[in-house]
Protein backbone atom coordinates (compact mmCIF):
# COMPACT_ATOMS: atom_id res chain seq x y z
CA MET A 1 25.04 -135.71 113.04
CA ARG A 2 27.45 -133.16 114.45
CA GLN A 3 25.93 -130.20 112.56
CA PRO A 4 22.47 -130.43 114.27
CA LEU A 5 24.20 -130.40 117.68
CA VAL A 6 26.15 -127.26 116.76
CA VAL A 7 22.96 -125.56 115.55
CA ALA A 8 21.04 -126.61 118.68
CA GLY A 9 23.88 -125.39 120.91
CA SER A 10 23.98 -122.06 119.08
CA VAL A 11 20.21 -121.58 119.42
CA ILE A 12 20.31 -122.36 123.15
CA THR A 13 23.26 -120.00 123.69
CA LEU A 14 21.51 -117.22 121.78
CA ALA A 15 18.27 -117.72 123.75
CA LEU A 16 20.17 -117.56 127.05
CA LEU A 17 22.00 -114.41 125.96
CA VAL A 18 18.76 -112.66 124.94
CA GLY A 19 17.11 -113.68 128.23
CA PHE A 20 20.11 -112.44 130.22
CA VAL A 21 20.07 -109.04 128.48
CA LEU A 22 16.30 -108.61 128.89
CA TYR A 23 16.43 -109.56 132.57
CA PHE A 24 19.23 -107.18 133.50
CA THR A 25 17.92 -104.23 131.51
CA SER A 26 14.58 -104.37 133.32
CA ALA A 27 15.56 -105.75 136.75
CA ASN A 28 16.24 -102.36 138.32
CA GLN A 29 13.36 -100.45 136.78
CA SER A 30 10.00 -100.46 138.46
CA ALA A 31 6.83 -100.52 136.42
CA ALA A 32 5.39 -97.09 135.76
CA VAL A 33 2.59 -96.01 138.08
CA THR A 34 -0.21 -93.91 136.58
CA VAL A 35 -1.17 -91.17 139.03
CA ALA A 36 -4.91 -90.47 138.76
CA CYS A 37 -4.69 -86.76 139.42
CA PRO A 38 -5.48 -83.84 137.08
CA VAL A 39 -1.98 -82.35 137.24
CA ALA A 40 -2.95 -79.58 134.79
CA GLN A 41 -5.52 -78.24 137.30
CA GLN A 42 -4.11 -78.94 140.78
CA VAL A 43 -1.19 -80.00 142.92
CA CYS A 44 -0.97 -83.80 142.91
CA GLU A 45 -0.12 -85.77 146.04
CA PHE A 46 0.98 -89.42 145.92
CA SER A 47 3.17 -91.94 147.76
CA THR A 48 6.72 -92.88 146.77
CA PRO A 49 9.57 -94.84 148.39
CA TYR A 50 10.89 -91.37 149.33
CA GLY A 51 7.78 -90.50 151.30
CA GLU A 52 4.75 -88.47 150.32
CA ALA A 53 5.17 -86.41 147.16
CA ARG A 54 3.61 -83.14 146.01
CA PHE A 55 3.99 -82.42 142.29
CA GLU A 56 2.88 -79.23 140.58
CA LEU A 57 2.92 -77.65 137.12
CA THR A 58 2.57 -73.89 136.75
CA PRO A 59 0.79 -72.18 135.14
CA GLN A 60 -2.41 -74.17 135.42
CA PRO A 61 -3.52 -75.18 132.91
CA PRO A 62 -0.19 -75.47 131.05
CA SER A 63 0.08 -74.11 127.52
CA SER A 64 2.44 -74.68 124.61
CA LYS A 65 2.62 -70.87 124.31
CA ALA A 66 4.31 -70.28 127.68
CA PRO A 67 7.11 -71.84 129.75
CA ILE A 68 6.10 -74.35 132.43
CA ALA A 69 7.58 -74.67 135.90
CA PHE A 70 7.84 -78.17 137.38
CA GLU A 71 8.14 -78.60 141.16
CA LEU A 72 8.38 -81.76 143.28
CA ARG A 73 8.52 -81.91 147.08
CA LEU A 74 9.21 -85.15 148.95
CA SER A 75 8.54 -85.63 152.67
CA ALA A 76 11.40 -88.01 153.50
CA GLU A 77 14.74 -88.88 151.93
CA GLN A 78 15.69 -87.60 148.50
CA PRO A 79 16.53 -89.49 145.31
CA GLN A 80 19.84 -88.82 143.55
CA ARG A 81 18.20 -87.61 140.35
CA VAL A 82 14.74 -86.45 139.26
CA TRP A 83 13.81 -85.84 135.65
CA ILE A 84 10.80 -85.54 133.39
CA ASP A 85 10.08 -87.11 130.02
CA LEU A 86 7.20 -85.49 128.11
CA GLN A 87 5.63 -87.38 125.20
CA GLY A 88 2.61 -86.72 123.03
CA LYS A 89 0.06 -89.49 123.58
CA GLU A 90 -1.28 -89.67 120.01
CA MET A 91 1.54 -87.96 118.13
CA TYR A 92 5.34 -88.12 118.37
CA MET A 93 6.54 -84.67 119.42
CA GLY A 94 10.28 -85.34 119.63
CA VAL A 95 12.48 -85.76 122.69
CA ASN A 96 11.43 -83.47 125.55
CA GLN A 97 13.32 -84.28 128.75
CA THR A 98 14.09 -81.99 131.67
CA ASN A 99 16.38 -82.54 134.67
CA LEU A 100 15.06 -81.08 137.91
CA LYS A 101 17.52 -79.48 140.34
CA PHE A 102 17.35 -79.86 144.13
CA LYS A 103 17.33 -76.56 146.02
CA SER A 104 15.72 -75.37 149.26
CA GLY A 105 13.90 -78.65 149.90
CA SER A 106 12.35 -79.15 146.47
CA TRP A 107 13.17 -80.34 142.96
CA SER A 108 12.34 -77.82 140.24
CA ALA A 109 13.06 -76.76 136.67
CA PRO A 110 11.54 -74.78 133.84
CA GLY A 111 10.34 -76.58 130.73
CA THR A 112 8.24 -76.22 127.61
CA LEU A 113 5.67 -78.17 125.63
CA GLY A 114 6.02 -78.67 121.90
CA VAL A 115 3.58 -76.75 119.73
CA CYS A 116 0.95 -78.94 118.10
CA THR A 117 -0.93 -77.92 114.96
CA THR A 118 -4.07 -79.89 115.91
CA GLY A 119 -5.12 -77.50 118.68
CA THR A 120 -5.37 -79.51 121.89
CA MET A 121 -2.65 -82.09 122.55
CA ARG A 122 -2.79 -84.99 125.04
CA TRP A 123 0.52 -85.27 126.91
CA VAL A 124 2.01 -88.04 129.03
CA LEU A 125 4.44 -86.71 131.61
CA ALA A 126 6.73 -89.34 133.14
CA LEU A 127 8.21 -88.14 136.44
CA ILE A 128 11.30 -90.30 137.05
CA LEU A 129 13.00 -90.61 140.45
CA GLU A 130 16.39 -92.35 140.51
CA ARG A 131 18.70 -93.66 143.17
CA GLY A 132 21.61 -95.87 142.13
CA ASP A 133 20.33 -98.35 139.56
CA GLU A 134 16.69 -98.06 140.64
CA GLN A 135 13.98 -95.94 139.05
CA GLN A 136 10.45 -95.09 140.11
CA ILE A 137 8.29 -93.76 137.28
CA TYR A 138 5.04 -91.85 137.83
CA ASN A 139 2.91 -91.03 134.78
CA PHE A 140 0.51 -88.10 134.55
CA GLU A 141 -1.73 -87.28 131.58
CA PHE A 142 -3.05 -83.85 130.69
CA ASP A 143 -4.29 -81.75 127.78
CA ALA A 144 -2.71 -78.50 126.63
CA ARG A 145 -3.29 -76.02 123.83
């Protein structure tokens, strides 16, 4: 009789622990917002908790054969950290993350795309703005050769 109670107590404790971990790992992270803007062809403007944003990649269109410059301008207050995570949409291309630096009113950094043997590659660029424990994530998709 005592053994089923111990098992039931262990299962309940484990379920609570898993729920606690899942809640606190996602509580301070907002859901990613997909920005419907062709970032490979134009400057993209969108709203954030830090005011209106202007995000640009140069050159346009970006290429895996040349460095890329990332630039973000925000109209109001600034986050503590801005970084980019680039992932291949259909193919894993390794870790490709870039921290942007704040200087003269904008966040910027150079970066590169991985070279893909299939010709054109579909990329997902996650632009991540952080302040304290909170993140805002803005996703952009584009093709590059």
